N, C-alpha and C. Protein backbone atom coordinates (compact mmCIF):
# COMPACT_ATOMS: atom_id res chain seq x y z
N MET A 1 55.37 37.05 49.46
CA MET A 1 55.58 38.14 48.61
C MET A 1 54.27 39.05 48.56
N MET A 2 54.12 39.86 49.35
CA MET A 2 52.76 40.48 49.58
C MET A 2 52.80 41.91 49.20
N SER A 3 51.71 42.53 48.82
CA SER A 3 51.39 43.86 48.49
C SER A 3 50.41 44.53 49.57
N LYS A 4 50.69 45.50 50.34
CA LYS A 4 49.80 46.12 51.09
C LYS A 4 48.98 45.23 51.99
N LEU A 5 49.79 44.26 52.85
CA LEU A 5 49.16 43.46 53.67
C LEU A 5 48.49 44.40 54.69
N VAL A 6 47.42 43.76 55.17
CA VAL A 6 46.77 44.60 56.35
C VAL A 6 47.02 43.89 57.78
N ILE A 7 47.51 44.68 58.80
CA ILE A 7 47.85 44.26 60.03
C ILE A 7 46.66 43.55 60.65
N TYR A 8 46.95 42.80 61.65
CA TYR A 8 45.90 41.97 62.32
C TYR A 8 44.83 42.86 62.81
N THR A 9 43.59 42.34 62.56
CA THR A 9 42.31 43.03 63.19
C THR A 9 42.16 42.62 64.76
N LEU A 10 41.18 43.44 65.23
CA LEU A 10 40.72 43.14 66.64
C LEU A 10 40.24 41.75 66.81
N TRP A 11 40.79 41.14 67.86
CA TRP A 11 40.22 39.72 67.97
C TRP A 11 38.70 39.53 68.51
N LEU A 12 38.38 40.62 69.25
CA LEU A 12 36.88 40.54 69.61
C LEU A 12 35.92 41.53 68.79
N PHE A 13 34.68 41.18 68.77
CA PHE A 13 33.81 42.16 68.05
C PHE A 13 32.48 42.09 69.05
N VAL A 14 31.77 43.20 68.69
CA VAL A 14 30.58 43.46 69.39
C VAL A 14 29.27 42.99 68.83
N CYS A 15 28.67 41.93 69.33
CA CYS A 15 27.66 41.20 68.46
C CYS A 15 26.53 42.27 68.15
N SER A 16 26.23 43.19 68.91
CA SER A 16 25.21 44.04 68.68
C SER A 16 25.46 44.81 67.43
N GLN A 17 26.56 44.99 66.97
CA GLN A 17 26.90 45.86 65.83
C GLN A 17 26.93 44.98 64.55
N LEU A 18 26.55 43.65 64.73
CA LEU A 18 26.67 42.80 63.60
C LEU A 18 25.36 42.62 63.16
N SER A 19 25.36 42.25 61.80
CA SER A 19 23.96 41.81 61.06
C SER A 19 24.37 40.58 60.39
N LEU A 20 24.04 39.48 61.09
CA LEU A 20 24.58 38.13 60.61
C LEU A 20 23.70 37.75 59.37
N TRP A 21 24.44 37.20 58.42
CA TRP A 21 23.59 36.73 57.35
C TRP A 21 24.48 35.42 56.68
N SER A 22 23.65 34.68 55.91
CA SER A 22 24.37 33.53 55.26
C SER A 22 24.08 33.63 53.80
N VAL A 23 25.22 33.17 53.03
CA VAL A 23 25.03 32.91 51.75
C VAL A 23 25.43 31.47 51.34
N TRP A 24 25.15 31.03 50.09
CA TRP A 24 25.57 29.58 49.82
C TRP A 24 26.40 29.90 48.70
N ALA A 25 27.51 28.97 48.57
CA ALA A 25 28.50 28.92 47.52
C ALA A 25 28.56 27.55 46.97
N THR A 26 28.38 27.27 45.71
CA THR A 26 28.36 25.92 45.05
C THR A 26 29.63 25.71 44.32
N ALA A 27 30.28 24.51 44.70
CA ALA A 27 31.35 24.17 43.92
C ALA A 27 30.95 23.39 42.62
N ASP A 28 31.50 24.08 41.50
CA ASP A 28 31.04 23.65 40.14
C ASP A 28 31.72 22.23 39.94
N GLU A 29 32.78 21.92 40.47
CA GLU A 29 33.57 20.65 39.94
C GLU A 29 32.74 19.50 40.69
N GLN A 30 32.19 19.51 41.66
CA GLN A 30 31.86 18.30 42.45
C GLN A 30 30.43 18.67 43.06
N ASP A 31 29.88 17.62 43.42
CA ASP A 31 28.36 17.72 44.10
C ASP A 31 28.76 18.10 45.61
N GLY A 32 27.83 18.82 46.15
CA GLY A 32 27.94 19.25 47.44
C GLY A 32 27.98 20.88 47.35
N GLU A 33 27.51 21.30 48.64
CA GLU A 33 27.31 22.81 48.93
C GLU A 33 28.12 23.14 50.06
N VAL A 34 28.66 24.27 49.98
CA VAL A 34 29.33 25.06 51.15
C VAL A 34 28.53 26.06 51.69
N LYS A 35 28.24 25.80 52.94
CA LYS A 35 27.49 26.99 53.66
C LYS A 35 28.28 27.91 54.36
N ILE A 36 28.19 29.27 53.92
CA ILE A 36 28.88 30.24 54.44
C ILE A 36 28.27 31.25 55.27
N GLU A 37 28.43 31.33 56.53
CA GLU A 37 27.81 32.28 57.48
C GLU A 37 28.85 33.41 57.79
N VAL A 38 28.54 34.52 57.38
CA VAL A 38 29.44 35.72 57.80
C VAL A 38 29.02 36.27 59.05
N LEU A 39 30.07 36.12 60.00
CA LEU A 39 30.07 36.52 61.33
C LEU A 39 30.28 38.06 61.57
N PHE A 40 31.27 38.32 60.85
CA PHE A 40 31.68 39.80 61.01
C PHE A 40 32.30 40.24 59.73
N LYS A 41 31.97 41.42 59.32
CA LYS A 41 32.67 41.89 58.09
C LYS A 41 32.92 43.48 58.34
N PRO A 42 34.15 43.76 58.08
CA PRO A 42 34.45 45.39 58.29
C PRO A 42 33.67 46.19 57.42
N GLU A 43 33.46 47.42 57.86
CA GLU A 43 32.70 48.35 57.10
C GLU A 43 33.49 48.79 55.77
N GLN A 44 34.88 48.83 55.99
CA GLN A 44 35.61 49.17 54.81
C GLN A 44 36.41 47.89 54.40
N CYS A 45 36.35 47.58 53.11
CA CYS A 45 37.02 46.38 52.45
C CYS A 45 37.63 46.92 51.16
N ASP A 46 38.83 46.98 51.28
CA ASP A 46 39.70 47.50 50.01
C ASP A 46 40.01 46.36 49.01
N LYS A 47 40.02 45.16 49.58
CA LYS A 47 40.39 44.01 48.73
C LYS A 47 39.67 42.90 49.07
N GLN A 48 39.08 42.10 48.25
CA GLN A 48 38.41 40.75 48.49
C GLN A 48 39.24 39.69 48.05
N SER A 49 39.17 38.45 48.53
CA SER A 49 40.08 37.45 48.15
C SER A 49 39.62 36.82 46.84
N LYS A 50 40.59 36.16 46.11
CA LYS A 50 40.18 35.67 44.91
C LYS A 50 41.27 34.43 44.74
N ARG A 51 40.91 33.59 43.73
CA ARG A 51 41.90 32.59 43.50
C ARG A 51 43.28 33.11 43.04
N GLY A 52 44.34 32.35 43.80
CA GLY A 52 45.66 32.75 43.72
C GLY A 52 46.11 33.57 44.72
N ASP A 53 45.21 34.39 45.40
CA ASP A 53 45.72 35.19 46.57
C ASP A 53 46.57 34.59 47.66
N LEU A 54 47.40 35.25 48.32
CA LEU A 54 47.95 34.75 49.36
C LEU A 54 47.36 35.16 50.61
N MET A 55 46.66 34.23 51.45
CA MET A 55 45.95 34.33 52.55
C MET A 55 46.56 34.22 54.02
N ASN A 56 46.31 34.87 54.95
CA ASN A 56 46.87 34.78 56.29
C ASN A 56 45.74 34.60 57.31
N VAL A 57 45.55 33.47 57.82
CA VAL A 57 44.25 33.32 58.59
C VAL A 57 44.37 32.32 59.82
N HIS A 58 43.48 32.54 60.73
CA HIS A 58 43.49 31.49 61.91
C HIS A 58 42.08 30.75 61.55
N TYR A 59 42.06 29.35 61.87
CA TYR A 59 40.79 28.80 61.72
C TYR A 59 40.83 27.49 62.52
N ASP A 60 39.65 27.22 63.20
CA ASP A 60 39.33 26.11 64.01
C ASP A 60 38.32 25.14 63.12
N GLY A 61 38.51 23.72 63.39
CA GLY A 61 37.84 23.04 62.74
C GLY A 61 37.13 22.04 63.75
N PHE A 62 35.79 21.74 63.45
CA PHE A 62 34.80 21.04 64.23
C PHE A 62 34.10 20.01 63.39
N LEU A 63 33.75 18.99 64.11
CA LEU A 63 32.91 17.86 63.40
C LEU A 63 31.42 18.53 63.65
N ALA A 64 30.56 18.39 62.40
CA ALA A 64 29.37 18.98 62.58
C ALA A 64 28.32 18.15 63.47
N LYS A 65 28.53 16.92 63.44
CA LYS A 65 27.74 15.84 64.15
C LYS A 65 27.79 16.14 65.58
N ASP A 66 28.75 16.54 66.24
CA ASP A 66 28.66 16.62 67.74
C ASP A 66 29.41 17.91 68.24
N GLY A 67 29.96 18.68 67.27
CA GLY A 67 30.73 20.03 67.71
C GLY A 67 32.12 19.65 68.28
N SER A 68 32.66 18.44 68.09
CA SER A 68 34.03 18.29 68.60
C SER A 68 35.01 18.80 67.76
N GLN A 69 35.99 19.40 68.46
CA GLN A 69 37.11 20.19 67.86
C GLN A 69 38.20 19.14 67.33
N PHE A 70 38.64 19.13 65.98
CA PHE A 70 39.53 18.51 65.53
C PHE A 70 40.87 19.21 65.15
N TYR A 71 40.88 20.50 64.84
CA TYR A 71 41.99 21.34 64.66
C TYR A 71 41.89 22.68 65.14
N CYS A 72 42.87 23.30 65.45
CA CYS A 72 43.01 24.69 65.99
C CYS A 72 44.28 25.24 65.56
N SER A 73 44.40 26.24 64.63
CA SER A 73 45.60 26.84 64.24
C SER A 73 46.32 27.52 65.33
N ARG A 74 45.59 28.07 66.13
CA ARG A 74 46.18 28.88 67.35
C ARG A 74 46.94 28.04 68.44
N SER A 75 46.78 26.64 68.27
CA SER A 75 47.68 25.65 69.01
C SER A 75 48.60 24.90 68.16
N ASP A 76 48.43 24.89 66.90
CA ASP A 76 49.28 24.18 65.99
C ASP A 76 50.50 25.07 65.53
N LYS A 77 51.63 24.39 65.23
CA LYS A 77 52.66 25.35 64.69
C LYS A 77 52.89 26.46 65.54
N ALA A 78 53.27 26.47 66.70
CA ALA A 78 53.51 27.72 67.54
C ALA A 78 52.23 28.62 67.59
N GLY A 79 51.23 28.34 67.14
CA GLY A 79 49.97 29.33 67.24
C GLY A 79 50.06 30.51 66.21
N HIS A 80 50.85 30.33 65.27
CA HIS A 80 50.89 31.49 64.23
C HIS A 80 49.73 31.31 63.22
N PRO A 81 49.18 32.27 62.71
CA PRO A 81 48.29 32.39 61.69
C PRO A 81 48.89 31.56 60.49
N GLN A 82 48.02 30.95 59.76
CA GLN A 82 48.48 30.19 58.66
C GLN A 82 48.63 30.79 57.42
N TRP A 83 49.77 30.68 56.43
CA TRP A 83 49.69 31.01 55.14
C TRP A 83 49.31 30.04 54.03
N PHE A 84 48.74 30.40 53.22
CA PHE A 84 48.47 29.55 52.09
C PHE A 84 47.79 30.39 50.75
N VAL A 85 47.96 29.72 49.70
CA VAL A 85 47.42 30.33 48.43
C VAL A 85 45.90 29.89 48.24
N LEU A 86 45.05 30.62 48.00
CA LEU A 86 43.63 30.31 47.89
C LEU A 86 43.37 29.71 46.45
N GLY A 87 42.58 28.68 46.33
CA GLY A 87 42.13 28.10 45.19
C GLY A 87 42.88 27.23 44.55
N VAL A 88 44.00 26.75 45.02
CA VAL A 88 45.08 25.83 44.28
C VAL A 88 45.22 24.54 44.89
N GLY A 89 44.44 24.22 46.03
CA GLY A 89 44.39 22.98 46.67
C GLY A 89 45.48 22.79 47.84
N GLN A 90 45.75 23.94 48.46
CA GLN A 90 46.54 23.92 49.60
C GLN A 90 45.89 23.64 50.87
N VAL A 91 44.51 23.84 50.84
CA VAL A 91 43.58 23.46 51.69
C VAL A 91 42.46 22.53 51.17
N ILE A 92 41.61 22.12 51.95
CA ILE A 92 40.57 21.32 51.34
C ILE A 92 39.69 22.15 50.50
N LYS A 93 39.01 21.44 49.52
CA LYS A 93 38.22 22.10 48.47
C LYS A 93 37.26 23.13 49.27
N GLY A 94 36.58 22.69 50.10
CA GLY A 94 35.47 23.38 50.84
C GLY A 94 35.93 24.63 51.30
N LEU A 95 37.19 24.73 51.79
CA LEU A 95 37.86 26.11 52.36
C LEU A 95 38.17 26.90 51.12
N ASP A 96 38.76 26.38 49.98
CA ASP A 96 38.93 27.26 48.78
C ASP A 96 37.78 27.86 48.37
N VAL A 97 36.61 27.06 48.40
CA VAL A 97 35.38 27.73 47.76
C VAL A 97 34.81 28.71 48.87
N GLY A 98 34.90 28.31 50.31
CA GLY A 98 34.32 29.16 51.29
C GLY A 98 35.09 30.44 51.79
N MET A 99 36.26 30.41 51.33
CA MET A 99 37.13 31.54 51.57
C MET A 99 37.19 32.73 50.39
N MET A 100 36.48 32.50 49.27
CA MET A 100 36.45 33.39 48.10
C MET A 100 35.76 34.68 48.64
N ASP A 101 36.27 35.70 48.01
CA ASP A 101 35.48 37.11 48.28
C ASP A 101 35.51 37.43 49.72
N MET A 102 36.46 36.89 50.66
CA MET A 102 36.51 37.59 51.88
C MET A 102 37.32 38.82 51.89
N CYS A 103 36.99 39.67 52.88
CA CYS A 103 37.83 40.83 53.38
C CYS A 103 38.86 40.76 54.60
N PRO A 104 40.01 41.30 54.46
CA PRO A 104 40.74 41.33 55.65
C PRO A 104 40.04 41.81 56.85
N GLY A 105 40.13 41.00 57.95
CA GLY A 105 39.32 41.41 59.15
C GLY A 105 37.90 40.56 59.33
N GLU A 106 37.60 40.02 58.15
CA GLU A 106 36.39 39.21 58.13
C GLU A 106 36.40 37.93 58.74
N LYS A 107 35.23 37.56 59.49
CA LYS A 107 34.98 36.17 60.11
C LYS A 107 33.91 35.31 59.54
N ARG A 108 34.20 34.20 59.20
CA ARG A 108 33.17 33.22 58.71
C ARG A 108 33.16 32.01 59.47
N LYS A 109 31.80 31.49 59.42
CA LYS A 109 31.52 30.12 59.65
C LYS A 109 31.39 29.36 58.47
N ILE A 110 32.13 28.30 58.12
CA ILE A 110 31.96 27.50 56.82
C ILE A 110 31.76 26.14 57.17
N THR A 111 30.53 25.65 56.64
CA THR A 111 30.21 24.27 56.81
C THR A 111 30.47 23.63 55.46
N VAL A 112 31.34 22.50 55.61
CA VAL A 112 31.74 21.70 54.38
C VAL A 112 31.17 20.22 54.37
N PRO A 113 30.71 19.85 53.12
CA PRO A 113 30.12 18.37 53.26
C PRO A 113 31.40 17.46 52.97
N PRO A 114 31.26 16.17 53.20
CA PRO A 114 32.12 15.33 53.03
C PRO A 114 33.02 15.33 51.74
N VAL A 115 32.20 15.44 50.69
CA VAL A 115 32.70 15.48 49.26
C VAL A 115 33.74 16.65 48.88
N LEU A 116 33.57 17.74 49.66
CA LEU A 116 34.56 18.87 49.68
C LEU A 116 35.41 18.96 50.96
N ALA A 117 35.39 18.02 51.72
CA ALA A 117 36.30 17.99 52.82
C ALA A 117 37.23 16.83 52.91
N PHE A 118 37.06 15.85 53.76
CA PHE A 118 37.97 14.62 53.89
C PHE A 118 37.40 13.40 53.08
N GLY A 119 36.38 13.46 52.65
CA GLY A 119 35.55 12.39 51.74
C GLY A 119 35.32 11.10 52.39
N GLU A 120 35.44 10.01 51.73
CA GLU A 120 34.98 8.69 52.17
C GLU A 120 35.98 8.00 53.07
N LYS A 121 37.24 8.56 53.05
CA LYS A 121 38.36 7.86 53.93
C LYS A 121 38.49 8.65 55.17
N GLY A 122 38.07 9.96 55.13
CA GLY A 122 38.41 10.77 56.43
C GLY A 122 39.87 11.06 56.40
N LYS A 123 40.31 11.69 57.59
CA LYS A 123 41.73 11.85 57.54
C LYS A 123 41.88 12.24 59.31
N GLY A 124 42.95 11.50 59.77
CA GLY A 124 43.17 11.56 61.31
C GLY A 124 42.07 11.50 62.10
N PRO A 125 41.68 12.78 62.92
CA PRO A 125 40.59 12.58 63.73
C PRO A 125 39.07 12.81 63.08
N VAL A 126 39.23 13.01 61.81
CA VAL A 126 37.97 13.26 61.02
C VAL A 126 37.51 11.95 60.42
N PRO A 127 36.51 11.44 60.94
CA PRO A 127 36.12 10.13 60.39
C PRO A 127 35.41 10.13 58.88
N PRO A 128 35.36 9.04 58.39
CA PRO A 128 34.86 8.93 56.81
C PRO A 128 33.51 9.66 56.86
N ASN A 129 33.27 10.34 55.69
CA ASN A 129 31.99 10.89 55.47
C ASN A 129 31.48 11.85 56.34
N ALA A 130 32.25 12.66 56.94
CA ALA A 130 32.07 13.62 57.88
C ALA A 130 31.86 15.16 57.35
N THR A 131 30.86 15.69 57.71
CA THR A 131 30.54 17.05 57.53
C THR A 131 31.37 17.90 58.46
N VAL A 132 32.17 18.89 58.09
CA VAL A 132 32.93 19.54 59.02
C VAL A 132 32.59 21.00 58.95
N VAL A 133 32.93 21.79 60.09
CA VAL A 133 32.65 23.13 60.19
C VAL A 133 33.90 23.97 60.68
N PHE A 134 34.22 25.06 59.77
CA PHE A 134 35.37 25.77 60.16
C PHE A 134 34.99 27.16 60.54
N GLU A 135 35.50 27.73 61.55
CA GLU A 135 35.38 29.13 62.13
C GLU A 135 36.81 29.79 61.65
N VAL A 136 36.73 30.74 60.67
CA VAL A 136 37.80 31.28 59.99
C VAL A 136 37.91 32.72 60.40
N GLU A 137 39.14 33.24 60.63
CA GLU A 137 39.39 34.83 60.74
C GLU A 137 40.37 35.12 59.70
N LEU A 138 40.10 36.01 58.81
CA LEU A 138 41.15 36.33 57.77
C LEU A 138 41.75 37.69 58.25
N TYR A 139 43.01 37.56 58.33
CA TYR A 139 44.00 38.75 58.72
C TYR A 139 44.39 39.53 57.60
N SER A 140 44.93 38.85 56.50
CA SER A 140 45.30 39.57 55.28
C SER A 140 45.24 38.88 54.07
N VAL A 141 45.10 39.56 53.05
CA VAL A 141 45.05 38.98 51.68
C VAL A 141 45.76 39.77 50.80
N SER A 142 46.62 39.13 49.84
CA SER A 142 47.54 40.07 48.91
C SER A 142 47.72 39.37 47.71
N ARG A 143 48.26 39.85 46.74
CA ARG A 143 48.60 39.35 45.36
C ARG A 143 49.43 37.96 45.72
N GLY A 144 49.04 36.80 45.12
CA GLY A 144 49.64 35.49 45.36
C GLY A 144 51.15 35.37 44.81
N PRO A 145 51.99 34.76 45.53
CA PRO A 145 53.38 34.68 45.36
C PRO A 145 53.82 33.87 44.04
N ARG A 146 52.87 33.36 43.13
CA ARG A 146 53.43 32.35 42.16
C ARG A 146 53.23 32.86 40.84
N THR A 147 53.03 34.36 40.66
CA THR A 147 52.97 34.64 39.26
C THR A 147 54.28 34.88 38.80
N MET A 148 54.68 34.81 37.62
CA MET A 148 56.18 35.07 36.88
C MET A 148 56.51 36.47 36.92
N GLU A 149 55.45 37.38 37.03
CA GLU A 149 55.76 38.67 37.21
C GLU A 149 56.23 39.01 38.48
N ALA A 150 55.69 38.41 39.62
CA ALA A 150 56.34 38.48 40.85
C ALA A 150 57.61 38.09 40.86
N PHE A 151 57.96 36.86 40.24
CA PHE A 151 59.10 36.17 40.33
C PHE A 151 60.23 37.15 39.83
N GLY A 152 59.82 37.90 38.62
CA GLY A 152 60.72 38.77 37.95
C GLY A 152 61.21 39.86 38.94
N GLU A 153 60.25 40.49 39.71
CA GLU A 153 60.58 41.51 40.66
C GLU A 153 61.31 41.00 41.64
N ILE A 154 61.34 39.65 42.14
CA ILE A 154 62.05 39.32 43.35
C ILE A 154 63.58 38.96 42.85
N ASP A 155 63.68 38.54 41.63
CA ASP A 155 64.85 38.05 41.00
C ASP A 155 65.72 39.14 40.70
N ILE A 156 66.42 39.81 41.72
CA ILE A 156 67.12 41.11 41.35
C ILE A 156 68.26 40.81 40.25
N ASP A 157 69.02 39.83 40.50
CA ASP A 157 70.18 39.71 39.55
C ASP A 157 69.81 38.93 38.27
N LYS A 158 68.42 38.52 38.04
CA LYS A 158 68.02 38.03 36.80
C LYS A 158 68.64 36.78 36.39
N ASP A 159 68.90 35.81 37.46
CA ASP A 159 69.67 34.72 37.13
C ASP A 159 68.63 33.43 37.06
N ARG A 160 67.30 33.87 37.18
CA ARG A 160 66.41 32.79 37.19
C ARG A 160 66.20 31.84 38.35
N SER A 161 66.76 32.36 39.43
CA SER A 161 66.59 31.75 40.84
C SER A 161 66.58 32.73 41.81
N LEU A 162 66.05 32.39 43.02
CA LEU A 162 65.83 33.37 44.04
C LEU A 162 66.42 32.92 45.23
N THR A 163 67.43 33.83 45.68
CA THR A 163 68.12 33.71 47.00
C THR A 163 67.18 33.99 48.20
N LYS A 164 67.65 33.63 49.37
CA LYS A 164 67.08 33.92 50.57
C LYS A 164 67.10 35.58 50.79
N ALA A 165 68.29 36.10 50.37
CA ALA A 165 68.41 37.58 50.45
C ALA A 165 67.41 38.31 49.72
N GLU A 166 67.14 37.81 48.39
CA GLU A 166 66.28 38.57 47.50
C GLU A 166 64.97 38.44 47.98
N VAL A 167 64.60 37.21 48.58
CA VAL A 167 63.16 37.03 49.06
C VAL A 167 62.89 37.90 50.17
N LYS A 168 63.95 38.01 51.15
CA LYS A 168 63.69 38.87 52.27
C LYS A 168 63.65 40.33 52.05
N GLU A 169 64.57 40.74 50.95
CA GLU A 169 64.50 42.19 50.56
C GLU A 169 63.31 42.53 49.88
N TYR A 170 62.63 41.55 49.12
CA TYR A 170 61.31 41.85 48.60
C TYR A 170 60.21 41.91 49.63
N LEU A 171 60.21 41.11 50.51
CA LEU A 171 59.13 41.10 51.53
C LEU A 171 59.20 42.54 52.24
N LYS A 172 60.53 43.00 52.65
CA LYS A 172 60.52 44.26 53.42
C LYS A 172 60.05 45.43 52.54
N LYS A 173 60.44 45.46 51.22
CA LYS A 173 59.98 46.36 50.25
C LYS A 173 58.32 46.48 50.14
N GLU A 174 57.82 45.39 50.15
CA GLU A 174 56.40 45.29 50.05
C GLU A 174 55.68 45.62 51.33
N TYR A 175 56.19 45.27 52.34
CA TYR A 175 55.54 45.76 53.65
C TYR A 175 55.77 47.15 53.87
N GLU A 176 56.98 47.81 53.65
CA GLU A 176 57.16 49.14 53.60
C GLU A 176 56.51 50.10 52.67
N LYS A 177 56.23 49.65 51.52
CA LYS A 177 55.35 50.28 50.57
C LYS A 177 54.00 50.36 51.01
N GLY A 178 53.58 49.27 51.71
CA GLY A 178 52.03 49.34 52.19
C GLY A 178 52.00 50.18 53.57
N GLY A 179 53.13 50.59 53.98
CA GLY A 179 53.12 51.44 55.20
C GLY A 179 53.12 50.53 56.64
N LYS A 180 53.52 49.31 56.34
CA LYS A 180 53.50 48.29 57.50
C LYS A 180 54.66 47.54 57.61
N PRO A 181 55.86 48.29 58.02
CA PRO A 181 57.13 47.61 58.31
C PRO A 181 57.10 46.78 59.43
N ARG A 182 57.92 45.59 59.45
CA ARG A 182 57.79 44.68 60.42
C ARG A 182 59.34 44.44 60.90
N ASP A 183 59.41 43.75 62.04
CA ASP A 183 60.91 43.46 62.46
C ASP A 183 61.39 42.12 61.65
N GLU A 184 62.83 42.12 61.87
CA GLU A 184 63.63 41.05 61.12
C GLU A 184 62.96 39.76 61.41
N ALA A 185 62.55 39.47 62.58
CA ALA A 185 62.13 38.20 62.92
C ALA A 185 60.84 37.88 62.15
N PHE A 186 59.89 38.77 61.85
CA PHE A 186 58.92 38.39 61.06
C PHE A 186 59.22 38.12 59.53
N TYR A 187 60.16 38.93 59.06
CA TYR A 187 60.42 38.59 57.60
C TYR A 187 61.16 37.15 57.57
N GLN A 188 62.01 36.97 58.58
CA GLN A 188 62.69 35.68 58.59
C GLN A 188 61.82 34.53 58.73
N LYS A 189 60.69 34.55 59.49
CA LYS A 189 59.87 33.51 59.53
C LYS A 189 59.08 33.27 58.24
N ILE A 190 58.71 34.27 57.64
CA ILE A 190 58.00 33.88 56.38
C ILE A 190 59.01 33.41 55.26
N MET A 191 60.11 34.06 55.27
CA MET A 191 61.10 33.66 54.24
C MET A 191 61.55 32.09 54.61
N ASP A 192 61.72 31.62 55.77
CA ASP A 192 61.95 30.32 56.19
C ASP A 192 60.83 29.43 55.56
N ASP A 193 59.63 29.87 55.76
CA ASP A 193 58.47 29.01 55.33
C ASP A 193 58.50 28.80 53.99
N ILE A 194 58.70 30.05 53.21
CA ILE A 194 58.73 30.00 51.79
C ILE A 194 59.73 28.81 51.31
N PHE A 195 61.05 29.03 51.75
CA PHE A 195 61.98 28.02 51.27
C PHE A 195 61.62 26.67 51.68
N ARG A 196 61.05 26.41 53.07
CA ARG A 196 60.78 25.07 53.47
C ARG A 196 59.63 24.41 52.43
N ARG A 197 58.76 25.12 51.93
CA ARG A 197 57.74 24.67 51.08
C ARG A 197 58.14 24.56 49.51
N ASN A 198 59.07 25.34 49.24
CA ASN A 198 59.35 25.51 47.74
C ASN A 198 60.76 25.07 47.39
N ASP A 199 61.78 25.12 48.05
CA ASP A 199 63.00 24.64 47.81
C ASP A 199 63.10 23.13 47.89
N ASP A 200 62.73 22.56 46.77
CA ASP A 200 62.65 21.01 46.68
C ASP A 200 63.85 20.31 46.89
N ASP A 201 64.79 20.87 46.15
CA ASP A 201 66.22 20.13 46.23
C ASP A 201 67.11 20.55 47.14
N LYS A 202 66.58 21.57 48.03
CA LYS A 202 67.42 22.09 49.29
C LYS A 202 68.73 22.44 49.08
N ASP A 203 68.82 23.28 47.85
CA ASP A 203 69.98 23.97 47.67
C ASP A 203 70.11 25.35 47.90
N GLY A 204 69.25 25.82 48.67
CA GLY A 204 69.14 27.22 49.31
C GLY A 204 68.73 28.32 48.03
N LEU A 205 68.29 27.82 47.05
CA LEU A 205 67.69 28.71 46.01
C LEU A 205 66.10 28.06 45.56
N ILE A 206 65.58 29.01 45.08
CA ILE A 206 64.15 28.53 44.51
C ILE A 206 64.38 28.97 42.98
N SER A 207 64.26 27.94 42.24
CA SER A 207 64.33 28.06 40.89
C SER A 207 62.98 28.62 40.27
N ALA A 208 63.02 28.91 38.88
CA ALA A 208 61.63 29.31 38.32
C ALA A 208 60.75 28.02 38.35
N ASN A 209 61.16 26.95 38.05
CA ASN A 209 60.25 25.78 38.22
C ASN A 209 59.70 25.40 39.51
N GLU A 210 60.54 25.60 40.47
CA GLU A 210 60.13 25.41 41.93
C GLU A 210 59.11 26.42 42.27
N TYR A 211 59.39 27.67 41.94
CA TYR A 211 58.51 28.76 42.29
C TYR A 211 56.98 28.78 41.78
N ASN A 212 57.04 28.09 40.42
CA ASN A 212 55.73 28.12 39.59
C ASN A 212 54.90 27.01 39.85
N ILE A 213 55.16 26.08 40.83
CA ILE A 213 54.35 24.89 41.03
C ILE A 213 53.69 25.10 42.44
N TYR A 214 52.32 25.15 42.31
CA TYR A 214 51.63 25.32 43.69
C TYR A 214 51.60 23.86 44.43
N LYS A 215 52.05 23.96 45.76
CA LYS A 215 52.19 22.82 46.67
C LYS A 215 50.80 22.43 46.99
N HIS A 216 50.46 21.13 47.28
CA HIS A 216 49.26 20.78 47.65
C HIS A 216 49.37 20.20 49.18
N ASP A 217 49.33 20.92 50.07
CA ASP A 217 49.43 20.64 51.52
C ASP A 217 48.15 20.82 52.23
N GLU A 218 47.33 19.97 52.20
CA GLU A 218 45.96 20.07 52.70
C GLU A 218 45.97 19.95 54.20
N LEU A 219 44.94 20.41 54.86
CA LEU A 219 44.90 20.40 56.34
C LEU A 219 44.82 18.84 56.70
């Protein structure tokens, strides 16, 4: 459920046009700092990301100690950019912190300490107590899908549940409103992903309770 999503930005950028700079963002809840290096930022930025926004990104994950790659969204899940809601635990804490205040089209290098990444136990190819580095490219940012205001807009028949037809119709309306209409396959893919993540009882409907609970699907 998106408002005025921005189309994919150019993959390549000219280094001579960039002024690289770094800032530090501190996570208040835990010890540890996230280092944010902005690699590219568009001159025009109409919307910056905030907690609860819906993000569409590509990211690569590396181990800081040797630079080995442990994740690449371009090769995972058919290579599509990943959708997630920012700041609610759908990704590791360090990315929730490191992707705040990003602009569509922006690229960042985010270095995350173990306590804000995969911790003392590690996960999969990431060993225990590992500092990790993510190279992130943000394609679009829009109002998050979990507000009850948005639910009311999608629920056309006001029966307190969302059908696939209602969700798809809302997606089409929002993209067209933003001047970025897409083909049926695009809407179908987003709709399928929404129901896969949220239709807990698999009845083909998303209830108000299912809709309003953030899923925790970390990397």
